[in-house]
Full PDB file with SEQRES, HELIX, SHEET, SSBOND, CRYST1, ORIGX, SCALE, CONECT and MASTER records, all heavy atoms in Angstrom:
SEQRES   1 A   35  SER ASN GLY GLN SER GLN VAL SER THR GLN PRO ALA ALA          
SEQRES   2 A   35  PRO ALA SER ASN GLY ASN GLY THR PRO ALA ILE GLU PHE          
SEQRES   3 A   35  ARG HIS LEU HIS ARG TYR PHE GLY ARG                          
CRYST1    1.000    1.000    1.000  90.00  90.00  90.00 P 1           1          
ORIGX1      1.000000  0.000000  0.000000        0.00000                         
ORIGX2      0.000000  1.000000  0.000000        0.00000                         
ORIGX3      0.000000  0.000000  1.000000        0.00000                         
SCALE1      1.000000  0.000000  0.000000        0.00000                         
SCALE2      0.000000  1.000000  0.000000        0.00000                         
SCALE3      0.000000  0.000000  1.000000        0.00000                         
ATOM      1  N   SER A   1     -19.672  16.051 128.388  1.00  0.00           N  
ATOM      2  CA  SER A   1     -18.918  17.200 128.931  1.00  0.00           C  
ATOM      3  C   SER A   1     -18.042  16.791 130.131  1.00  0.00           C  
ATOM      4  O   SER A   1     -18.380  15.881 130.806  1.00  0.00           O  
ATOM      5  CB  SER A   1     -19.894  18.311 129.315  1.00  0.00           C  
ATOM      6  OG  SER A   1     -20.688  17.907 130.405  1.00  0.00           O  
ATOM      7  N   ASN A   2     -17.000  17.520 130.276  1.00  0.00           N  
ATOM      8  CA  ASN A   2     -16.070  17.227 131.358  1.00  0.00           C  
ATOM      9  C   ASN A   2     -16.112  18.282 132.403  1.00  0.00           C  
ATOM     10  O   ASN A   2     -16.405  19.461 132.161  1.00  0.00           O  
ATOM     11  CB  ASN A   2     -14.629  17.087 130.844  1.00  0.00           C  
ATOM     12  CG  ASN A   2     -14.489  15.953 129.875  1.00  0.00           C  
ATOM     13  OD1 ASN A   2     -15.243  14.959 129.954  1.00  0.00           O  
ATOM     14  ND2 ASN A   2     -13.583  16.076 128.968  1.00  0.00           N  
ATOM     15  N   GLY A   3     -15.801  17.902 133.603  1.00  0.00           N  
ATOM     16  CA  GLY A   3     -15.756  18.885 134.705  1.00  0.00           C  
ATOM     17  C   GLY A   3     -15.330  18.212 135.976  1.00  0.00           C  
ATOM     18  O   GLY A   3     -15.187  17.014 136.055  1.00  0.00           O  
ATOM     19  N   GLN A   4     -15.186  19.000 137.016  1.00  0.00           N  
ATOM     20  CA  GLN A   4     -14.716  18.449 138.304  1.00  0.00           C  
ATOM     21  C   GLN A   4     -15.686  18.886 139.391  1.00  0.00           C  
ATOM     22  O   GLN A   4     -15.952  20.047 139.601  1.00  0.00           O  
ATOM     23  CB  GLN A   4     -13.322  18.983 138.656  1.00  0.00           C  
ATOM     24  CG  GLN A   4     -12.763  18.338 139.916  1.00  0.00           C  
ATOM     25  CD  GLN A   4     -11.344  18.773 140.144  1.00  0.00           C  
ATOM     26  OE1 GLN A   4     -10.781  19.389 139.285  1.00  0.00           O  
ATOM     27  NE2 GLN A   4     -10.774  18.410 141.234  1.00  0.00           N  
ATOM     28  N   SER A   5     -16.293  17.884 140.071  1.00  0.00           N  
ATOM     29  CA  SER A   5     -17.249  18.234 141.091  1.00  0.00           C  
ATOM     30  C   SER A   5     -16.597  18.737 142.333  1.00  0.00           C  
ATOM     31  O   SER A   5     -15.588  18.172 142.767  1.00  0.00           O  
ATOM     32  CB  SER A   5     -18.067  16.958 141.457  1.00  0.00           C  
ATOM     33  OG  SER A   5     -18.828  16.530 140.354  1.00  0.00           O  
ATOM     34  N   GLN A   6     -17.133  19.830 142.905  1.00  0.00           N  
ATOM     35  CA  GLN A   6     -16.595  20.294 144.145  1.00  0.00           C  
ATOM     36  C   GLN A   6     -17.710  21.090 144.868  1.00  0.00           C  
ATOM     37  O   GLN A   6     -18.392  21.873 144.311  1.00  0.00           O  
ATOM     38  CB  GLN A   6     -15.352  21.156 143.986  1.00  0.00           C  
ATOM     39  CG  GLN A   6     -15.456  22.292 142.992  1.00  0.00           C  
ATOM     40  CD  GLN A   6     -14.174  22.956 142.755  1.00  0.00           C  
ATOM     41  OE1 GLN A   6     -13.118  22.570 143.246  1.00  0.00           O  
ATOM     42  NE2 GLN A   6     -14.214  24.086 142.040  1.00  0.00           N  
ATOM     43  N   VAL A   7     -17.821  20.873 146.140  1.00  0.00           N  
ATOM     44  CA  VAL A   7     -18.749  21.580 147.010  1.00  0.00           C  
ATOM     45  C   VAL A   7     -17.996  22.050 148.224  1.00  0.00           C  
ATOM     46  O   VAL A   7     -17.285  21.256 148.802  1.00  0.00           O  
ATOM     47  CB  VAL A   7     -19.998  20.757 147.417  1.00  0.00           C  
ATOM     48  CG1 VAL A   7     -20.908  21.488 148.358  1.00  0.00           C  
ATOM     49  CG2 VAL A   7     -20.721  20.289 146.192  1.00  0.00           C  
ATOM     50  N   SER A   8     -18.129  23.286 148.570  1.00  0.00           N  
ATOM     51  CA  SER A   8     -17.241  23.858 149.627  1.00  0.00           C  
ATOM     52  C   SER A   8     -17.334  23.141 150.969  1.00  0.00           C  
ATOM     53  O   SER A   8     -16.394  23.088 151.728  1.00  0.00           O  
ATOM     54  CB  SER A   8     -17.549  25.345 149.801  1.00  0.00           C  
ATOM     55  OG  SER A   8     -18.922  25.489 150.144  1.00  0.00           O  
ATOM     56  N   THR A   9     -18.522  22.575 151.219  1.00  0.00           N  
ATOM     57  CA  THR A   9     -18.695  21.900 152.534  1.00  0.00           C  
ATOM     58  C   THR A   9     -18.225  20.445 152.553  1.00  0.00           C  
ATOM     59  O   THR A   9     -18.341  19.803 153.551  1.00  0.00           O  
ATOM     60  CB  THR A   9     -20.192  21.917 152.911  1.00  0.00           C  
ATOM     61  OG1 THR A   9     -20.921  21.275 151.905  1.00  0.00           O  
ATOM     62  CG2 THR A   9     -20.685  23.347 153.061  1.00  0.00           C  
ATOM     63  N   GLN A  10     -17.638  20.005 151.439  1.00  0.00           N  
ATOM     64  CA  GLN A  10     -17.250  18.610 151.325  1.00  0.00           C  
ATOM     65  C   GLN A  10     -15.748  18.502 151.136  1.00  0.00           C  
ATOM     66  O   GLN A  10     -15.126  19.464 150.650  1.00  0.00           O  
ATOM     67  CB  GLN A  10     -17.973  17.951 150.141  1.00  0.00           C  
ATOM     68  CG  GLN A  10     -19.505  17.981 150.377  1.00  0.00           C  
ATOM     69  CD  GLN A  10     -20.241  17.896 149.071  1.00  0.00           C  
ATOM     70  OE1 GLN A  10     -19.634  17.954 148.021  1.00  0.00           O  
ATOM     71  NE2 GLN A  10     -21.538  17.696 149.185  1.00  0.00           N  
ATOM     72  N   PRO A  11     -15.182  17.334 151.414  1.00  0.00           N  
ATOM     73  CA  PRO A  11     -13.712  17.221 151.220  1.00  0.00           C  
ATOM     74  C   PRO A  11     -13.357  17.374 149.784  1.00  0.00           C  
ATOM     75  O   PRO A  11     -14.046  16.924 148.886  1.00  0.00           O  
ATOM     76  CB  PRO A  11     -13.437  15.754 151.719  1.00  0.00           C  
ATOM     77  CG  PRO A  11     -14.764  15.079 151.672  1.00  0.00           C  
ATOM     78  CD  PRO A  11     -15.799  16.116 151.924  1.00  0.00           C  
ATOM     79  N   ALA A  12     -12.187  17.981 149.543  1.00  0.00           N  
ATOM     80  CA  ALA A  12     -11.718  18.140 148.179  1.00  0.00           C  
ATOM     81  C   ALA A  12     -11.353  16.798 147.573  1.00  0.00           C  
ATOM     82  O   ALA A  12     -10.845  15.916 148.245  1.00  0.00           O  
ATOM     83  CB  ALA A  12     -10.524  19.059 148.164  1.00  0.00           C  
ATOM     84  N   ALA A  13     -11.709  16.631 146.284  1.00  0.00           N  
ATOM     85  CA  ALA A  13     -11.357  15.365 145.594  1.00  0.00           C  
ATOM     86  C   ALA A  13      -9.892  15.335 145.248  1.00  0.00           C  
ATOM     87  O   ALA A  13      -9.198  16.366 145.209  1.00  0.00           O  
ATOM     88  CB  ALA A  13     -12.215  15.252 144.315  1.00  0.00           C  
ATOM     89  N   PRO A  14      -9.339  14.118 145.026  1.00  0.00           N  
ATOM     90  CA  PRO A  14      -7.971  14.055 144.557  1.00  0.00           C  
ATOM     91  C   PRO A  14      -7.760  14.847 143.272  1.00  0.00           C  
ATOM     92  O   PRO A  14      -8.690  15.117 142.531  1.00  0.00           O  
ATOM     93  CB  PRO A  14      -7.756  12.561 144.342  1.00  0.00           C  
ATOM     94  CG  PRO A  14      -8.821  11.915 145.116  1.00  0.00           C  
ATOM     95  CD  PRO A  14      -9.970  12.867 145.200  1.00  0.00           C  
ATOM     96  N   ALA A  15      -6.505  15.223 143.006  1.00  0.00           N  
ATOM     97  CA  ALA A  15      -6.208  15.968 141.824  1.00  0.00           C  
ATOM     98  C   ALA A  15      -6.697  15.247 140.577  1.00  0.00           C  
ATOM     99  O   ALA A  15      -6.532  14.016 140.444  1.00  0.00           O  
ATOM    100  CB  ALA A  15      -4.709  16.204 141.707  1.00  0.00           C  
ATOM    101  N   SER A  16      -7.293  15.966 139.643  1.00  0.00           N  
ATOM    102  CA  SER A  16      -7.845  15.346 138.446  1.00  0.00           C  
ATOM    103  C   SER A  16      -6.793  15.233 137.360  1.00  0.00           C  
ATOM    104  O   SER A  16      -5.735  15.900 137.418  1.00  0.00           O  
ATOM    105  CB  SER A  16      -9.000  16.183 137.885  1.00  0.00           C  
ATOM    106  OG  SER A  16      -8.534  17.420 137.446  1.00  0.00           O  
ATOM    107  N   ASN A  17      -7.085  14.401 136.384  1.00  0.00           N  
ATOM    108  CA  ASN A  17      -6.172  14.304 135.218  1.00  0.00           C  
ATOM    109  C   ASN A  17      -6.566  15.420 134.220  1.00  0.00           C  
ATOM    110  O   ASN A  17      -7.425  16.243 134.508  1.00  0.00           O  
ATOM    111  CB  ASN A  17      -6.275  12.926 134.569  1.00  0.00           C  
ATOM    112  CG  ASN A  17      -7.674  12.562 134.103  1.00  0.00           C  
ATOM    113  OD1 ASN A  17      -8.485  13.451 133.849  1.00  0.00           O  
ATOM    114  ND2 ASN A  17      -7.993  11.282 134.121  1.00  0.00           N  
ATOM    115  N   GLY A  18      -5.961  15.375 133.081  1.00  0.00           N  
ATOM    116  CA  GLY A  18      -6.244  16.453 132.130  1.00  0.00           C  
ATOM    117  C   GLY A  18      -7.675  16.580 131.653  1.00  0.00           C  
ATOM    118  O   GLY A  18      -8.105  17.625 131.223  1.00  0.00           O  
ATOM    119  N   ASN A  19      -8.400  15.443 131.711  1.00  0.00           N  
ATOM    120  CA  ASN A  19      -9.789  15.463 131.250  1.00  0.00           C  
ATOM    121  C   ASN A  19     -10.792  15.796 132.387  1.00  0.00           C  
ATOM    122  O   ASN A  19     -11.954  15.912 132.144  1.00  0.00           O  
ATOM    123  CB  ASN A  19     -10.152  14.097 130.665  1.00  0.00           C  
ATOM    124  CG  ASN A  19      -9.368  13.772 129.413  1.00  0.00           C  
ATOM    125  OD1 ASN A  19      -9.074  14.690 128.652  1.00  0.00           O  
ATOM    126  ND2 ASN A  19      -8.998  12.527 129.243  1.00  0.00           N  
ATOM    127  N   GLY A  20     -10.325  15.953 133.607  1.00  0.00           N  
ATOM    128  CA  GLY A  20     -11.201  16.213 134.691  1.00  0.00           C  
ATOM    129  C   GLY A  20     -11.593  14.878 135.380  1.00  0.00           C  
ATOM    130  O   GLY A  20     -11.738  13.848 134.734  1.00  0.00           O  
ATOM    131  N   THR A  21     -11.743  14.930 136.690  1.00  0.00           N  
ATOM    132  CA  THR A  21     -12.125  13.759 137.444  1.00  0.00           C  
ATOM    133  C   THR A  21     -13.628  13.422 137.267  1.00  0.00           C  
ATOM    134  O   THR A  21     -14.430  14.341 137.488  1.00  0.00           O  
ATOM    135  CB  THR A  21     -11.838  13.974 138.925  1.00  0.00           C  
ATOM    136  OG1 THR A  21     -10.446  14.200 139.102  1.00  0.00           O  
ATOM    137  CG2 THR A  21     -12.259  12.709 139.761  1.00  0.00           C  
ATOM    138  N   PRO A  22     -13.973  12.280 136.843  1.00  0.00           N  
ATOM    139  CA  PRO A  22     -15.432  11.965 136.760  1.00  0.00           C  
ATOM    140  C   PRO A  22     -16.090  12.075 138.087  1.00  0.00           C  
ATOM    141  O   PRO A  22     -15.523  11.699 139.134  1.00  0.00           O  
ATOM    142  CB  PRO A  22     -15.472  10.523 136.228  1.00  0.00           C  
ATOM    143  CG  PRO A  22     -14.096  10.276 135.645  1.00  0.00           C  
ATOM    144  CD  PRO A  22     -13.121  11.124 136.410  1.00  0.00           C  
ATOM    145  N   ALA A  23     -17.319  12.567 138.134  1.00  0.00           N  
ATOM    146  CA  ALA A  23     -18.067  12.585 139.392  1.00  0.00           C  
ATOM    147  C   ALA A  23     -18.468  11.130 139.769  1.00  0.00           C  
ATOM    148  O   ALA A  23     -18.557  10.799 140.913  1.00  0.00           O  
ATOM    149  CB  ALA A  23     -19.316  13.442 139.246  1.00  0.00           C  
ATOM    150  N   ILE A  24     -18.785  10.320 138.749  1.00  0.00           N  
ATOM    151  CA  ILE A  24     -19.109   8.896 138.947  1.00  0.00           C  
ATOM    152  C   ILE A  24     -18.269   8.120 137.982  1.00  0.00           C  
ATOM    153  O   ILE A  24     -18.194   8.440 136.774  1.00  0.00           O  
ATOM    154  CB  ILE A  24     -20.610   8.661 138.661  1.00  0.00           C  
ATOM    155  CG1 ILE A  24     -21.490   9.388 139.705  1.00  0.00           C  
ATOM    156  CG2 ILE A  24     -20.887   7.159 138.667  1.00  0.00           C  
ATOM    157  CD1 ILE A  24     -22.953   9.299 139.372  1.00  0.00           C  
ATOM    158  N   GLU A  25     -17.677   7.009 138.469  1.00  0.00           N  
ATOM    159  CA  GLU A  25     -16.962   6.093 137.549  1.00  0.00           C  
ATOM    160  C   GLU A  25     -17.091   4.679 138.070  1.00  0.00           C  
ATOM    161  O   GLU A  25     -16.816   4.390 139.221  1.00  0.00           O  
ATOM    162  CB  GLU A  25     -15.465   6.472 137.465  1.00  0.00           C  
ATOM    163  CG  GLU A  25     -14.732   5.572 136.475  1.00  0.00           C  
ATOM    164  CD  GLU A  25     -13.261   5.919 136.293  1.00  0.00           C  
ATOM    165  OE1 GLU A  25     -12.763   6.769 137.070  1.00  0.00           O  
ATOM    166  OE2 GLU A  25     -12.657   5.391 135.406  1.00  0.00           O  
ATOM    167  N   PHE A  26     -17.590   3.856 137.176  1.00  0.00           N  
ATOM    168  CA  PHE A  26     -17.553   2.383 137.388  1.00  0.00           C  
ATOM    169  C   PHE A  26     -16.389   1.844 136.542  1.00  0.00           C  
ATOM    170  O   PHE A  26     -16.279   2.071 135.384  1.00  0.00           O  
ATOM    171  CB  PHE A  26     -18.821   1.720 136.974  1.00  0.00           C  
ATOM    172  CG  PHE A  26     -20.007   2.046 137.787  1.00  0.00           C  
ATOM    173  CD1 PHE A  26     -20.881   3.047 137.496  1.00  0.00           C  
ATOM    174  CD2 PHE A  26     -20.243   1.303 138.986  1.00  0.00           C  
ATOM    175  CE1 PHE A  26     -21.984   3.378 138.281  1.00  0.00           C  
ATOM    176  CE2 PHE A  26     -21.343   1.549 139.759  1.00  0.00           C  
ATOM    177  CZ  PHE A  26     -22.194   2.632 139.441  1.00  0.00           C  
ATOM    178  N   ARG A  27     -15.521   1.071 137.204  1.00  0.00           N  
ATOM    179  CA  ARG A  27     -14.328   0.619 136.517  1.00  0.00           C  
ATOM    180  C   ARG A  27     -14.268  -0.950 136.640  1.00  0.00           C  
ATOM    181  O   ARG A  27     -13.891  -1.464 137.684  1.00  0.00           O  
ATOM    182  CB  ARG A  27     -13.081   1.247 137.143  1.00  0.00           C  
ATOM    183  CG  ARG A  27     -11.789   1.047 136.357  1.00  0.00           C  
ATOM    184  CD  ARG A  27     -10.622   1.726 137.046  1.00  0.00           C  
ATOM    185  NE  ARG A  27     -10.766   3.194 137.140  1.00  0.00           N  
ATOM    186  CZ  ARG A  27      -9.945   3.990 137.853  1.00  0.00           C  
ATOM    187  NH1 ARG A  27      -8.915   3.404 138.550  1.00  0.00           N  
ATOM    188  NH2 ARG A  27     -10.184   5.280 137.924  1.00  0.00           N  
ATOM    189  N   HIS A  28     -14.635  -1.606 135.570  1.00  0.00           N  
ATOM    190  CA  HIS A  28     -14.607  -3.061 135.486  1.00  0.00           C  
ATOM    191  C   HIS A  28     -15.246  -3.718 136.750  1.00  0.00           C  
ATOM    192  O   HIS A  28     -14.652  -4.601 137.373  1.00  0.00           O  
ATOM    193  CB  HIS A  28     -13.171  -3.587 135.301  1.00  0.00           C  
ATOM    194  CG  HIS A  28     -12.546  -3.025 134.034  1.00  0.00           C  
ATOM    195  ND1 HIS A  28     -12.964  -3.359 132.816  1.00  0.00           N  
ATOM    196  CD2 HIS A  28     -11.464  -2.159 133.884  1.00  0.00           C  
ATOM    197  CE1 HIS A  28     -12.248  -2.746 131.903  1.00  0.00           C  
ATOM    198  NE2 HIS A  28     -11.320  -1.968 132.509  1.00  0.00           N  
ATOM    199  N   LEU A  29     -16.422  -3.241 137.066  1.00  0.00           N  
ATOM    200  CA  LEU A  29     -17.115  -3.658 138.263  1.00  0.00           C  
ATOM    201  C   LEU A  29     -17.768  -5.058 138.074  1.00  0.00           C  
ATOM    202  O   LEU A  29     -18.485  -5.291 137.084  1.00  0.00           O  
ATOM    203  CB  LEU A  29     -18.150  -2.666 138.660  1.00  0.00           C  
ATOM    204  CG  LEU A  29     -18.796  -2.824 140.046  1.00  0.00           C  
ATOM    205  CD1 LEU A  29     -17.795  -2.408 141.100  1.00  0.00           C  
ATOM    206  CD2 LEU A  29     -20.032  -1.945 140.174  1.00  0.00           C  
ATOM    207  N   HIS A  30     -17.543  -5.936 139.025  1.00  0.00           N  
ATOM    208  CA  HIS A  30     -18.173  -7.262 139.041  1.00  0.00           C  
ATOM    209  C   HIS A  30     -18.815  -7.477 140.409  1.00  0.00           C  
ATOM    210  O   HIS A  30     -18.260  -7.088 141.442  1.00  0.00           O  
ATOM    211  CB  HIS A  30     -17.188  -8.400 138.802  1.00  0.00           C  
ATOM    212  CG  HIS A  30     -16.512  -8.388 137.440  1.00  0.00           C  
ATOM    213  ND1 HIS A  30     -15.504  -7.505 137.155  1.00  0.00           N  
ATOM    214  CD2 HIS A  30     -16.743  -9.097 136.309  1.00  0.00           C  
ATOM    215  CE1 HIS A  30     -15.121  -7.694 135.912  1.00  0.00           C  
ATOM    216  NE2 HIS A  30     -15.848  -8.682 135.392  1.00  0.00           N  
ATOM    217  N   ARG A  31     -19.990  -8.116 140.400  1.00  0.00           N  
ATOM    218  CA  ARG A  31     -20.622  -8.508 141.661  1.00  0.00           C  
ATOM    219  C   ARG A  31     -21.307  -9.819 141.393  1.00  0.00           C  
ATOM    220  O   ARG A  31     -22.285  -9.921 140.646  1.00  0.00           O  
ATOM    221  CB  ARG A  31     -21.596  -7.486 142.175  1.00  0.00           C  
ATOM    222  CG  ARG A  31     -22.255  -7.898 143.544  1.00  0.00           C  
ATOM    223  CD  ARG A  31     -21.210  -7.945 144.658  1.00  0.00           C  
ATOM    224  NE  ARG A  31     -21.779  -8.112 145.953  1.00  0.00           N  
ATOM    225  CZ  ARG A  31     -21.864  -9.233 146.660  1.00  0.00           C  
ATOM    226  NH1 ARG A  31     -21.369 -10.387 146.067  1.00  0.00           N  
ATOM    227  NH2 ARG A  31     -22.368  -9.319 147.841  1.00  0.00           N  
ATOM    228  N   TYR A  32     -20.817 -10.874 142.064  1.00  0.00           N  
ATOM    229  CA  TYR A  32     -21.373 -12.222 141.881  1.00  0.00           C  
ATOM    230  C   TYR A  32     -22.093 -12.660 143.143  1.00  0.00           C  
ATOM    231  O   TYR A  32     -21.616 -12.379 144.268  1.00  0.00           O  
ATOM    232  CB  TYR A  32     -20.284 -13.224 141.519  1.00  0.00           C  
ATOM    233  CG  TYR A  32     -19.478 -12.936 140.326  1.00  0.00           C  
ATOM    234  CD1 TYR A  32     -18.213 -13.483 140.135  1.00  0.00           C  
ATOM    235  CD2 TYR A  32     -19.931 -12.075 139.328  1.00  0.00           C  
ATOM    236  CE1 TYR A  32     -17.461 -13.210 139.001  1.00  0.00           C  
ATOM    237  CE2 TYR A  32     -19.186 -11.801 138.207  1.00  0.00           C  
ATOM    238  CZ  TYR A  32     -17.966 -12.384 138.037  1.00  0.00           C  
ATOM    239  OH  TYR A  32     -17.189 -12.118 136.914  1.00  0.00           O  
ATOM    240  N   PHE A  33     -23.207 -13.350 143.014  1.00  0.00           N  
ATOM    241  CA  PHE A  33     -23.880 -13.998 144.092  1.00  0.00           C  
ATOM    242  C   PHE A  33     -23.940 -15.489 143.774  1.00  0.00           C  
ATOM    243  O   PHE A  33     -24.778 -15.964 142.998  1.00  0.00           O  
ATOM    244  CB  PHE A  33     -25.329 -13.484 144.244  1.00  0.00           C  
ATOM    245  CG  PHE A  33     -25.392 -11.967 144.571  1.00  0.00           C  
ATOM    246  CD1 PHE A  33     -25.538 -11.063 143.574  1.00  0.00           C  
ATOM    247  CD2 PHE A  33     -25.257 -11.562 145.904  1.00  0.00           C  
ATOM    248  CE1 PHE A  33     -25.559  -9.670 143.888  1.00  0.00           C  
ATOM    249  CE2 PHE A  33     -25.333 -10.206 146.185  1.00  0.00           C  
ATOM    250  CZ  PHE A  33     -25.449  -9.293 145.187  1.00  0.00           C  
ATOM    251  N   GLY A  34     -22.939 -16.197 144.288  1.00  0.00           N  
ATOM    252  CA  GLY A  34     -22.745 -17.587 143.908  1.00  0.00           C  
ATOM    253  C   GLY A  34     -22.388 -17.661 142.435  1.00  0.00           C  
ATOM    254  O   GLY A  34     -21.435 -17.042 141.987  1.00  0.00           O  
ATOM    255  N   ARG A  35     -23.203 -18.384 141.642  1.00  0.00           N  
ATOM    256  CA  ARG A  35     -22.943 -18.514 140.216  1.00  0.00           C  
ATOM    257  C   ARG A  35     -23.580 -17.372 139.417  1.00  0.00           C  
ATOM    258  O   ARG A  35     -23.383 -17.272 138.176  1.00  0.00           O  
ATOM    259  CB  ARG A  35     -23.430 -19.861 139.768  1.00  0.00           C  
ATOM    260  CG  ARG A  35     -22.750 -21.048 140.419  1.00  0.00           C  
ATOM    261  CD  ARG A  35     -23.317 -22.349 140.008  1.00  0.00           C  
ATOM    262  NE  ARG A  35     -23.056 -22.611 138.564  1.00  0.00           N  
ATOM    263  CZ  ARG A  35     -23.450 -23.701 137.954  1.00  0.00           C  
ATOM    264  NH1 ARG A  35     -24.096 -24.655 138.553  1.00  0.00           N  
ATOM    265  NH2 ARG A  35     -23.163 -23.882 136.620  1.00  0.00           N  
TER     266      ARG A  35                                                      
MASTER        0    0    0    0    0    0    0    6  265    1    0    3          
END                                                                             
């Protein structure tokens, strides 16, 4: 399901796209420790 997270005591999120801004998004995340 789609939706846009908002809580009145928190800063407003940037404008969402047509599908709604994800509350959590990992986007091609990499984390290396040496090799």
